Amino acid sequence: MNTHPPELSSPTLTDFSMRRPRYEIDQRRSLDWLAKVHAASQTTLEALDSESSRAYAARMAKVIERCACGPSQIARRGHVLRDIGRTDWSELTIYDVSRDPRGKG
């Protein structure tokens, strides 16, 4: 008499392939862009002058540096949005902070 339980059949995943996202940006540039896009949004919301906008961007950059992984941990980021890294706000699809400073929703 066999006292071992019957072997269970388990699903198997095969044929994996890696696909890079369509767009990439180096981490340093992405962190700098985050500070800029936040500052541009705040500038639109509060009608900041250029000096106040630069000061806000500098504050955001410090916060991002404390909270985000730096370029020594992440060399490049892949993404599917053409907007990331670009600063011609009026031409962006999702991050047009000059028209929608709180985002498109």
PDB file of N, CA and C in Angstrom:
ATOM      1  N   MET A   1       0.841  -1.177   0.000  1.00  0.00           N
ATOM      2  CA  MET A   1       0.000   0.000   0.000  1.00  0.00           C
ATOM      3  C   MET A   1       0.893   1.250   0.000  1.00  0.00           C
ATOM      4  N   ASN A   2       0.589   2.208  -0.873  1.00  0.00           N
ATOM      5  CA  ASN A   2       1.360   3.453  -0.989  1.00  0.00           C
ATOM      6  C   ASN A   2       0.816   4.468   0.003  1.00  0.00           C
ATOM      7  N   THR A   3       1.675   4.981   0.912  1.00  0.00           N
ATOM      8  CA  THR A   3       1.226   5.940   1.925  1.00  0.00           C
ATOM      9  C   THR A   3       1.566   7.379   1.561  1.00  0.00           C
ATOM     10  N   HIS A   4       2.225   7.593   0.435  1.00  0.00           N
ATOM     11  CA  HIS A   4       2.559   8.951  -0.005  1.00  0.00           C
ATOM     12  C   HIS A   4       1.377   9.575  -0.733  1.00  0.00           C
ATOM     13  N   PRO A   5       1.118  10.873  -0.495  1.00  0.00           N
ATOM     14  CA  PRO A   5       0.013  11.523  -1.201  1.00  0.00           C
ATOM     15  C   PRO A   5       0.329  11.640  -2.686  1.00  0.00           C
ATOM     16  N   PRO A   6      -0.682  11.664  -3.526  1.00  0.00           N
ATOM     17  CA  PRO A   6      -0.424  11.807  -4.970  1.00  0.00           C
ATOM     18  C   PRO A   6       0.191  13.173  -5.254  1.00  0.00           C
ATOM     19  N   GLU A   7       1.068  13.235  -6.231  1.00  0.00           N
ATOM     20  CA  GLU A   7       1.707  14.505  -6.595  1.00  0.00           C
ATOM     21  C   GLU A   7       0.671  15.419  -7.211  1.00  0.00           C
ATOM     22  N   LEU A   8       0.692  16.668  -6.770  1.00  0.00           N
ATOM     23  CA  LEU A   8      -0.236  17.647  -7.324  1.00  0.00           C
ATOM     24  C   LEU A   8       0.366  18.267  -8.558  1.00  0.00           C
ATOM     25  N   SER A   9      -0.432  18.446  -9.550  1.00  0.00           N
ATOM     26  CA  SER A   9       0.016  19.095 -10.768  1.00  0.00           C
ATOM     27  C   SER A   9      -0.049  20.599 -10.539  1.00  0.00           C
ATOM     28  N   SER A  10       1.033  21.307 -10.807  1.00  0.00           N
ATOM     29  CA  SER A  10       1.032  22.759 -10.603  1.00  0.00           C
ATOM     30  C   SER A  10       1.276  23.459 -11.931  1.00  0.00           C
ATOM     31  N   PRO A  11       0.634  24.621 -12.100  1.00  0.00           N
ATOM     32  CA  PRO A  11       0.852  25.361 -13.352  1.00  0.00           C
ATOM     33  C   PRO A  11       2.301  25.817 -13.464  1.00  0.00           C
ATOM     34  N   THR A  12       2.778  25.906 -14.681  1.00  0.00           N
ATOM     35  CA  THR A  12       4.143  26.320 -14.938  1.00  0.00           C
ATOM     36  C   THR A  12       4.142  27.484 -15.921  1.00  0.00           C
ATOM     37  N   LEU A  13       4.843  28.538 -15.568  1.00  0.00           N
ATOM     38  CA  LEU A  13       4.993  29.685 -16.468  1.00  0.00           C
ATOM     39  C   LEU A  13       6.308  29.532 -17.214  1.00  0.00           C
ATOM     40  N   THR A  14       6.261  29.753 -18.518  1.00  0.00           N
ATOM     41  CA  THR A  14       7.465  29.600 -19.332  1.00  0.00           C
ATOM     42  C   THR A  14       7.554  30.713 -20.361  1.00  0.00           C
ATOM     43  N   ASP A  15       8.657  30.732 -21.084  1.00  0.00           N
ATOM     44  CA  ASP A  15       8.876  31.659 -22.196  1.00  0.00           C
ATOM     45  C   ASP A  15       8.799  33.133 -21.799  1.00  0.00           C
ATOM     46  N   PHE A  16       9.435  33.468 -20.695  1.00  0.00           N
ATOM     47  CA  PHE A  16       9.478  34.864 -20.275  1.00  0.00           C
ATOM     48  C   PHE A  16      10.364  35.665 -21.216  1.00  0.00           C
ATOM     49  N   SER A  17      10.014  36.889 -21.427  1.00  0.00           N
ATOM     50  CA  SER A  17      10.884  37.774 -22.193  1.00  0.00           C
ATOM     51  C   SER A  17      10.829  39.159 -21.556  1.00  0.00           C
ATOM     52  N   MET A  18      11.956  39.837 -21.552  1.00  0.00           N
ATOM     53  CA  MET A  18      12.034  41.159 -20.963  1.00  0.00           C
ATOM     54  C   MET A  18      11.825  42.204 -22.055  1.00  0.00           C
ATOM     55  N   ARG A  19      10.992  43.162 -21.776  1.00  0.00           N
ATOM     56  CA  ARG A  19      10.764  44.250 -22.719  1.00  0.00           C
ATOM     57  C   ARG A  19      11.004  45.560 -22.011  1.00  0.00           C
ATOM     58  N   ARG A  20      11.857  46.347 -22.567  1.00  0.00           N
ATOM     59  CA  ARG A  20      12.133  47.659 -22.000  1.00  0.00           C
ATOM     60  C   ARG A  20      10.975  48.585 -22.331  1.00  0.00           C
ATOM     61  N   PRO A  21      10.635  49.482 -21.396  1.00  0.00           N
ATOM     62  CA  PRO A  21       9.608  50.475 -21.705  1.00  0.00           C
ATOM     63  C   PRO A  21      10.047  51.344 -22.880  1.00  0.00           C
ATOM     64  N   ARG A  22       9.106  51.977 -23.502  1.00  0.00           N
ATOM     65  CA  ARG A  22       9.386  52.778 -24.691  1.00  0.00           C
ATOM     66  C   ARG A  22      10.327  53.937 -24.400  1.00  0.00           C
ATOM     67  N   TYR A  23      10.192  54.545 -23.233  1.00  0.00           N
ATOM     68  CA  TYR A  23      11.008  55.711 -22.881  1.00  0.00           C
ATOM     69  C   TYR A  23      11.870  55.402 -21.660  1.00  0.00           C
ATOM     70  N   GLU A  24      13.013  56.046 -21.592  1.00  0.00           N
ATOM     71  CA  GLU A  24      13.901  55.914 -20.437  1.00  0.00           C
ATOM     72  C   GLU A  24      14.480  57.269 -20.086  1.00  0.00           C
ATOM     73  N   ILE A  25      14.816  57.421 -18.824  1.00  0.00           N
ATOM     74  CA  ILE A  25      15.434  58.656 -18.351  1.00  0.00           C
ATOM     75  C   ILE A  25      16.399  58.272 -17.226  1.00  0.00           C
ATOM     76  N   ASP A  26      17.537  58.947 -17.153  1.00  0.00           N
ATOM     77  CA  ASP A  26      18.435  58.622 -16.056  1.00  0.00           C
ATOM     78  C   ASP A  26      17.858  59.190 -14.757  1.00  0.00           C
ATOM     79  N   GLN A  27      18.179  58.548 -13.656  1.00  0.00           N
ATOM     80  CA  GLN A  27      17.580  58.886 -12.363  1.00  0.00           C
ATOM     81  C   GLN A  27      17.841  60.338 -11.959  1.00  0.00           C
ATOM     82  N   ARG A  28      19.036  60.844 -12.165  1.00  0.00           N
ATOM     83  CA  ARG A  28      19.334  62.229 -11.801  1.00  0.00           C
ATOM     84  C   ARG A  28      18.400  63.176 -12.538  1.00  0.00           C
ATOM     85  N   ARG A  29      18.270  62.957 -13.825  1.00  0.00           N
ATOM     86  CA  ARG A  29      17.392  63.822 -14.626  1.00  0.00           C
ATOM     87  C   ARG A  29      15.933  63.689 -14.194  1.00  0.00           C
ATOM     88  N   SER A  30      15.505  62.486 -13.842  1.00  0.00           N
ATOM     89  CA  SER A  30      14.113  62.310 -13.414  1.00  0.00           C
ATOM     90  C   SER A  30      13.844  63.028 -12.096  1.00  0.00           C
ATOM     91  N   LEU A  31      14.795  62.993 -11.169  1.00  0.00           N
ATOM     92  CA  LEU A  31      14.614  63.694  -9.892  1.00  0.00           C
ATOM     93  C   LEU A  31      14.600  65.204 -10.095  1.00  0.00           C
ATOM     94  N   ASP A  32      15.474  65.696 -10.961  1.00  0.00           N
ATOM     95  CA  ASP A  32      15.479  67.133 -11.275  1.00  0.00           C
ATOM     96  C   ASP A  32      14.159  67.539 -11.916  1.00  0.00           C
ATOM     97  N   TRP A  33      13.647  66.683 -12.807  1.00  0.00           N
ATOM     98  CA  TRP A  33      12.383  66.971 -13.473  1.00  0.00           C
ATOM     99  C   TRP A  33      11.231  67.018 -12.472  1.00  0.00           C
ATOM    100  N   LEU A  34      11.230  66.110 -11.506  1.00  0.00           N
ATOM    101  CA  LEU A  34      10.169  66.117 -10.495  1.00  0.00           C
ATOM    102  C   LEU A  34      10.129  67.445  -9.748  1.00  0.00           C
ATOM    103  N   ALA A  35      11.282  67.954  -9.370  1.00  0.00           N
ATOM    104  CA  ALA A  35      11.331  69.247  -8.680  1.00  0.00           C
ATOM    105  C   ALA A  35      10.804  70.356  -9.590  1.00  0.00           C
ATOM    106  N   LYS A  36      11.187  70.320 -10.857  1.00  0.00           N
ATOM    107  CA  LYS A  36      10.738  71.351 -11.808  1.00  0.00           C
ATOM    108  C   LYS A  36       9.241  71.298 -12.046  1.00  0.00           C
ATOM    109  N   VAL A  37       8.695  70.106 -12.222  1.00  0.00           N
ATOM    110  CA  VAL A  37       7.266  70.002 -12.517  1.00  0.00           C
ATOM    111  C   VAL A  37       6.429  70.422 -11.313  1.00  0.00           C
ATOM    112  N   HIS A  38       6.897  70.096 -10.104  1.00  0.00           N
ATOM    113  CA  HIS A  38       6.188  70.553  -8.905  1.00  0.00           C
ATOM    114  C   HIS A  38       6.254  72.075  -8.780  1.00  0.00           C
ATOM    115  N   ALA A  39       7.410  72.632  -9.060  1.00  0.00           N
ATOM    116  CA  ALA A  39       7.556  74.089  -8.999  1.00  0.00           C
ATOM    117  C   ALA A  39       6.702  74.777 -10.056  1.00  0.00           C
ATOM    118  N   ALA A  40       6.656  74.220 -11.248  1.00  0.00           N
ATOM    119  CA  ALA A  40       5.830  74.808 -12.305  1.00  0.00           C
ATOM    120  C   ALA A  40       4.359  74.766 -11.929  1.00  0.00           C
ATOM    121  N   SER A  41       3.934  73.676 -11.333  1.00  0.00           N
ATOM    122  CA  SER A  41       2.550  73.558 -10.886  1.00  0.00           C
ATOM    123  C   SER A  41       2.242  74.598  -9.807  1.00  0.00           C
ATOM    124  N   GLN A  42       3.121  74.711  -8.833  1.00  0.00           N
ATOM    125  CA  GLN A  42       2.922  75.671  -7.744  1.00  0.00           C
ATOM    126  C   GLN A  42       2.955  77.104  -8.274  1.00  0.00           C
ATOM    127  N   THR A  43       3.809  77.358  -9.242  1.00  0.00           N
ATOM    128  CA  THR A  43       3.893  78.686  -9.854  1.00  0.00           C
ATOM    129  C   THR A  43       2.559  79.054 -10.499  1.00  0.00           C
ATOM    130  N   THR A  44       1.954  78.102 -11.184  1.00  0.00           N
ATOM    131  CA  THR A  44       0.648  78.352 -11.797  1.00  0.00           C
ATOM    132  C   THR A  44      -0.430  78.558 -10.732  1.00  0.00           C
ATOM    133  N   LEU A  45      -0.440  77.692  -9.719  1.00  0.00           N
ATOM    134  CA  LEU A  45      -1.466  77.778  -8.669  1.00  0.00           C
ATOM    135  C   LEU A  45      -1.403  79.091  -7.893  1.00  0.00           C
ATOM    136  N   GLU A  46      -0.192  79.545  -7.574  1.00  0.00           N
ATOM    137  CA  GLU A  46      -0.026  80.716  -6.711  1.00  0.00           C
ATOM    138  C   GLU A  46       0.462  81.950  -7.452  1.00  0.00           C
ATOM    139  N   ALA A  47       0.594  81.872  -8.760  1.00  0.00           N
ATOM    140  CA  ALA A  47       1.119  82.987  -9.559  1.00  0.00           C
ATOM    141  C   ALA A  47       2.435  83.502  -8.981  1.00  0.00           C
ATOM    142  N   LEU A  48       3.364  82.570  -8.767  1.00  0.00           N
ATOM    143  CA  LEU A  48       4.663  82.920  -8.188  1.00  0.00           C
ATOM    144  C   LEU A  48       5.519  83.678  -9.198  1.00  0.00           C
ATOM    145  N   ASP A  49       6.326  84.613  -8.693  1.00  0.00           N
ATOM    146  CA  ASP A  49       7.294  85.272  -9.569  1.00  0.00           C
ATOM    147  C   ASP A  49       8.475  84.318  -9.783  1.00  0.00           C
ATOM    148  N   SER A  50       9.378  84.662 -10.673  1.00  0.00           N
ATOM    149  CA  SER A  50      10.459  83.734 -11.033  1.00  0.00           C
ATOM    150  C   SER A  50      11.367  83.413  -9.850  1.00  0.00           C
ATOM    151  N   GLU A  51      11.636  84.384  -8.986  1.00  0.00           N
ATOM    152  CA  GLU A  51      12.492  84.123  -7.817  1.00  0.00           C
ATOM    153  C   GLU A  51      11.808  83.147  -6.858  1.00  0.00           C
ATOM    154  N   SER A  52      10.532  83.354  -6.600  1.00  0.00           N
ATOM    155  CA  SER A  52       9.787  82.457  -5.710  1.00  0.00           C
ATOM    156  C   SER A  52       9.669  81.068  -6.316  1.00  0.00           C
ATOM    157  N   SER A  53       9.502  80.996  -7.616  1.00  0.00           N
ATOM    158  CA  SER A  53       9.422  79.715  -8.295  1.00  0.00           C
ATOM    159  C   SER A  53      10.740  78.949  -8.174  1.00  0.00           C
ATOM    160  N   ARG A  54      11.862  79.631  -8.361  1.00  0.00           N
ATOM    161  CA  ARG A  54      13.176  78.988  -8.215  1.00  0.00           C
ATOM    162  C   ARG A  54      13.393  78.509  -6.781  1.00  0.00           C
ATOM    163  N   ALA A  55      12.968  79.311  -5.812  1.00  0.00           N
ATOM    164  CA  ALA A  55      13.114  78.928  -4.401  1.00  0.00           C
ATOM    165  C   ALA A  55      12.259  77.688  -4.102  1.00  0.00           C
ATOM    166  N   TYR A  56      11.054  77.657  -4.640  1.00  0.00           N
ATOM    167  CA  TYR A  56      10.187  76.501  -4.441  1.00  0.00           C
ATOM    168  C   TYR A  56      10.819  75.260  -5.064  1.00  0.00           C
ATOM    169  N   ALA A  57      11.368  75.398  -6.258  1.00  0.00           N
ATOM    170  CA  ALA A  57      12.030  74.269  -6.927  1.00  0.00           C
ATOM    171  C   ALA A  57      13.206  73.765  -6.102  1.00  0.00           C
ATOM    172  N   ALA A  58      13.962  74.661  -5.505  1.00  0.00           N
ATOM    173  CA  ALA A  58      15.101  74.262  -4.669  1.00  0.00           C
ATOM    174  C   ALA A  58      14.626  73.503  -3.432  1.00  0.00           C
ATOM    175  N   ARG A  59      13.541  73.962  -2.821  1.00  0.00           N
ATOM    176  CA  ARG A  59      12.984  73.253  -1.659  1.00  0.00           C
ATOM    177  C   ARG A  59      12.494  71.859  -2.055  1.00  0.00           C
ATOM    178  N   MET A  60      11.813  71.779  -3.192  1.00  0.00           N
ATOM    179  CA  MET A  60      11.331  70.478  -3.666  1.00  0.00           C
ATOM    180  C   MET A  60      12.504  69.533  -3.954  1.00  0.00           C
ATOM    181  N   ALA A  61      13.556  70.060  -4.536  1.00  0.00           N
ATOM    182  CA  ALA A  61      14.731  69.237  -4.836  1.00  0.00           C
ATOM    183  C   ALA A  61      15.317  68.650  -3.553  1.00  0.00           C
ATOM    184  N   LYS A  62      15.355  69.443  -2.485  1.00  0.00           N
ATOM    185  CA  LYS A  62      15.873  68.944  -1.196  1.00  0.00           C
ATOM    186  C   LYS A  62      14.985  67.844  -0.635  1.00  0.00           C
ATOM    187  N   VAL A  63      13.680  68.026  -0.705  1.00  0.00           N
ATOM    188  CA  VAL A  63      12.749  67.006  -0.215  1.00  0.00           C
ATOM    189  C   VAL A  63      12.906  65.723  -1.033  1.00  0.00           C
ATOM    190  N   ILE A  64      12.967  65.860  -2.333  1.00  0.00           N
ATOM    191  CA  ILE A  64      13.110  64.696  -3.209  1.00  0.00           C
ATOM    192  C   ILE A  64      14.426  63.971  -2.930  1.00  0.00           C
ATOM    193  N   GLU A  65      15.499  64.712  -2.725  1.00  0.00           N
ATOM    194  CA  GLU A  65      16.799  64.092  -2.416  1.00  0.00           C
ATOM    195  C   GLU A  65      16.732  63.264  -1.139  1.00  0.00           C
ATOM    196  N   ARG A  66      15.984  63.752  -0.147  1.00  0.00           N
ATOM    197  CA  ARG A  66      15.869  63.021   1.124  1.00  0.00           C
ATOM    198  C   ARG A  66      15.006  61.773   0.984  1.00  0.00           C
ATOM    199  N   CYS A  67      14.019  61.808   0.110  1.00  0.00           N
ATOM    200  CA  CYS A  67      13.021  60.734   0.045  1.00  0.00           C
ATOM    201  C   CYS A  67      13.239  59.722  -1.077  1.00  0.00           C
ATOM    202  N   ALA A  68      13.862  60.116  -2.137  1.00  0.00           N
ATOM    203  CA  ALA A  68      13.960  59.249  -3.322  1.00  0.00           C
ATOM    204  C   ALA A  68      15.267  58.473  -3.349  1.00  0.00           C
ATOM    205  N   CYS A  69      15.269  57.419  -4.119  1.00  0.00           N
ATOM    206  CA  CYS A  69      16.505  56.682  -4.382  1.00  0.00           C
ATOM    207  C   CYS A  69      17.343  57.506  -5.354  1.00  0.00           C
ATOM    208  N   GLY A  70      18.604  57.630  -5.048  1.00  0.00           N
ATOM    209  CA  GLY A  70      19.496  58.409  -5.891  1.00  0.00           C
ATOM    210  C   GLY A  70      20.044  57.610  -7.061  1.00  0.00           C
ATOM    211  N   PRO A  71      20.817  58.285  -7.911  1.00  0.00           N
ATOM    212  CA  PRO A  71      21.401  57.626  -9.085  1.00  0.00           C
ATOM    213  C   PRO A  71      22.342  56.468  -8.752  1.00  0.00           C
ATOM    214  N   SER A  72      22.881  56.423  -7.534  1.00  0.00           N
ATOM    215  CA  SER A  72      23.746  55.293  -7.192  1.00  0.00           C
ATOM    216  C   SER A  72      22.929  54.019  -6.949  1.00  0.00           C
ATOM    217  N   GLN A  73      21.628  54.162  -6.637  1.00  0.00           N
ATOM    218  CA  GLN A  73      20.762  52.994  -6.464  1.00  0.00           C
ATOM    219  C   GLN A  73      19.995  52.649  -7.742  1.00  0.00           C
ATOM    220  N   ILE A  74      19.623  53.670  -8.514  1.00  0.00           N
ATOM    221  CA  ILE A  74      18.859  53.473  -9.745  1.00  0.00           C
ATOM    222  C   ILE A  74      19.540  54.280 -10.846  1.00  0.00           C
ATOM    223  N   ALA A  75      20.047  53.620 -11.835  1.00  0.00           N
ATOM    224  CA  ALA A  75      20.744  54.331 -12.912  1.00  0.00           C
ATOM    225  C   ALA A  75      19.746  54.962 -13.879  1.00  0.00           C
ATOM    226  N   ARG A  76      18.792  54.160 -14.342  1.00  0.00           N
ATOM    227  CA  ARG A  76      17.813  54.638 -15.328  1.00  0.00           C
ATOM    228  C   ARG A  76      16.430  54.149 -14.945  1.00  0.00           C
ATOM    229  N   ARG A  77      15.444  54.929 -15.330  1.00  0.00           N
ATOM    230  CA  ARG A  77      14.047  54.559 -15.115  1.00  0.00           C
ATOM    231  C   ARG A  77      13.369  54.408 -16.461  1.00  0.00           C
ATOM    232  N   GLY A  78      12.600  53.360 -16.589  1.00  0.00           N
ATOM    233  CA  GLY A  78      11.797  53.174 -17.784  1.00  0.00           C
ATOM    234  C   GLY A  78      10.390  53.671 -17.524  1.00  0.00           C
ATOM    235  N   HIS A  79       9.741  54.192 -18.543  1.00  0.00           N
ATOM    236  CA  HIS A  79       8.373  54.670 -18.393  1.00  0.00           C
ATOM    237  C   HIS A  79       7.668  54.625 -19.743  1.00  0.00           C
ATOM    238  N   VAL A  80       6.366  54.727 -19.699  1.00  0.00           N
ATOM    239  CA  VAL A  80       5.583  54.639 -20.931  1.00  0.00           C
ATOM    240  C   VAL A  80       5.023  55.992 -21.358  1.00  0.00           C
ATOM    241  N   LEU A  81       5.267  57.028 -20.570  1.00  0.00           N
ATOM    242  CA  LEU A  81       4.749  58.362 -20.883  1.00  0.00           C
ATOM    243  C   LEU A  81       5.814  59.228 -21.534  1.00  0.00           C
ATOM    244  N   ARG A  82       5.490  59.796 -22.646  1.00  0.00           N
ATOM    245  CA  ARG A  82       6.407  60.680 -23.359  1.00  0.00           C
ATOM    246  C   ARG A  82       6.698  61.947 -22.549  1.00  0.00           C
ATOM    247  N   ASP A  83       5.794  62.336 -21.659  1.00  0.00           N
ATOM    248  CA  ASP A  83       5.911  63.572 -20.886  1.00  0.00           C
ATOM    249  C   ASP A  83       7.109  63.613 -19.936  1.00  0.00           C
ATOM    250  N   ILE A  84       7.459  62.490 -19.359  1.00  0.00           N
ATOM    251  CA  ILE A  84       8.462  62.459 -18.294  1.00  0.00           C
ATOM    252  C   ILE A  84       9.789  63.021 -18.788  1.00  0.00           C
ATOM    253  N   GLY A  85      10.309  64.000 -18.065  1.00  0.00           N
ATOM    254  CA  GLY A  85      11.592  64.603 -18.392  1.00  0.00           C
ATOM    255  C   GLY A  85      11.499  65.829 -19.278  1.00  0.00           C
ATOM    256  N   ARG A  86      10.357  66.072 -19.864  1.00  0.00           N
ATOM    257  CA  ARG A  86      10.192  67.220 -20.767  1.00  0.00           C
ATOM    258  C   ARG A  86       9.639  68.409 -19.984  1.00  0.00           C
ATOM    259  N   THR A  87      10.064  69.594 -20.349  1.00  0.00           N
ATOM    260  CA  THR A  87       9.633  70.791 -19.615  1.00  0.00           C
ATOM    261  C   THR A  87       8.897  71.805 -20.490  1.00  0.00           C
ATOM    262  N   ASP A  88       8.536  71.427 -21.676  1.00  0.00           N
ATOM    263  CA  ASP A  88       7.695  72.286 -22.503  1.00  0.00           C
ATOM    264  C   ASP A  88       6.246  71.973 -22.129  1.00  0.00           C
ATOM    265  N   TRP A  89       5.848  72.476 -20.955  1.00  0.00           N
ATOM    266  CA  TRP A  89       4.601  72.089 -20.291  1.00  0.00           C
ATOM    267  C   TRP A  89       3.393  72.095 -21.218  1.00  0.00           C
ATOM    268  N   SER A  90       3.247  73.100 -22.047  1.00  0.00           N
ATOM    269  CA  SER A  90       2.047  73.211 -22.883  1.00  0.00           C
ATOM    270  C   SER A  90       1.944  72.105 -23.929  1.00  0.00           C
ATOM    271  N   GLU A  91       3.021  71.402 -24.216  1.00  0.00           N
ATOM    272  CA  GLU A  91       2.999  70.318 -25.192  1.00  0.00           C
ATOM    273  C   GLU A  91       2.830  68.941 -24.546  1.00  0.00           C
ATOM    274  N   LEU A  92       2.756  68.905 -23.220  1.00  0.00           N
ATOM    275  CA  LEU A  92       2.655  67.625 -22.538  1.00  0.00           C
ATOM    276  C   LEU A  92       1.210  67.143 -22.491  1.00  0.00           C
ATOM    277  N   THR A  93       1.051  65.840 -22.484  1.00  0.00           N
ATOM    278  CA  THR A  93      -0.276  65.232 -22.505  1.00  0.00           C
ATOM    279  C   THR A  93      -0.908  65.185 -21.117  1.00  0.00           C
ATOM    280  N   ILE A  94      -0.163  64.723 -20.147  1.00  0.00           N
ATOM    281  CA  ILE A  94      -0.703  64.537 -18.799  1.00  0.00           C
ATOM    282  C   ILE A  94      -0.226  65.618 -17.842  1.00  0.00           C
ATOM    283  N   TYR A  95       1.009  66.053 -17.977  1.00  0.00           N
ATOM    284  CA  TYR A  95       1.602  66.992 -17.023  1.00  0.00           C
ATOM    285  C   TYR A  95       1.668  68.422 -17.552  1.00  0.00           C
ATOM    286  N   ASP A  96       0.616  68.877 -18.197  1.00  0.00           N
ATOM    287  CA  ASP A  96       0.566  70.268 -18.641  1.00  0.00           C
ATOM    288  C   ASP A  96       0.197  71.131 -17.439  1.00  0.00           C
ATOM    289  N   VAL A  97       1.193  71.452 -16.633  1.00  0.00           N
ATOM    290  CA  VAL A  97       0.946  72.179 -15.380  1.00  0.00           C
ATOM    291  C   VAL A  97       0.592  73.637 -15.601  1.00  0.00           C
ATOM    292  N   SER A  98       0.787  74.151 -16.806  1.00  0.00           N
ATOM    293  CA  SER A  98       0.390  75.528 -17.075  1.00  0.00           C
ATOM    294  C   SER A  98      -1.133  75.626 -17.235  1.00  0.00           C
ATOM    295  N   ARG A  99      -1.775  74.568 -17.720  1.00  0.00           N
ATOM    296  CA  ARG A  99      -3.235  74.551 -17.860  1.00  0.00           C
ATOM    297  C   ARG A  99      -3.930  73.779 -16.751  1.00  0.00           C
ATOM    298  N   ASP A 100      -3.312  72.691 -16.302  1.00  0.00           N
ATOM    299  CA  ASP A 100      -3.897  71.835 -15.256  1.00  0.00           C
ATOM    300  C   ASP A 100      -2.878  71.627 -14.136  1.00  0.00           C
ATOM    301  N   PRO A 101      -2.676  72.640 -13.279  1.00  0.00           N
ATOM    302  CA  PRO A 101      -1.628  72.527 -12.265  1.00  0.00           C
ATOM    303  C   PRO A 101      -1.847  71.412 -11.248  1.00  0.00           C
ATOM    304  N   ARG A 102      -3.067  70.930 -11.124  1.00  0.00           N
ATOM    305  CA  ARG A 102      -3.344  69.823 -10.193  1.00  0.00           C
ATOM    306  C   ARG A 102      -3.401  68.492 -10.924  1.00  0.00           C
ATOM    307  N   GLY A 103      -3.143  68.497 -12.204  1.00  0.00           N
ATOM    308  CA  GLY A 103      -3.184  67.278 -13.002  1.00  0.00           C
ATOM    309  C   GLY A 103      -4.506  67.132 -13.717  1.00  0.00           C
ATOM    310  N   LYS A 104      -4.550  66.252 -14.668  1.00  0.00           N
ATOM    311  CA  LYS A 104      -5.744  66.046 -15.480  1.00  0.00           C
ATOM    312  C   LYS A 104      -6.837  65.273 -14.767  1.00  0.00           C
ATOM    313  N   GLY A 105      -6.514  64.737 -13.616  1.00  0.00           N
ATOM    314  CA  GLY A 105      -7.534  64.001 -12.867  1.00  0.00           C
ATOM    315  C   GLY A 105      -7.481  62.524 -13.113  1.00  0.00           C
TER     316      GLY A 105
END
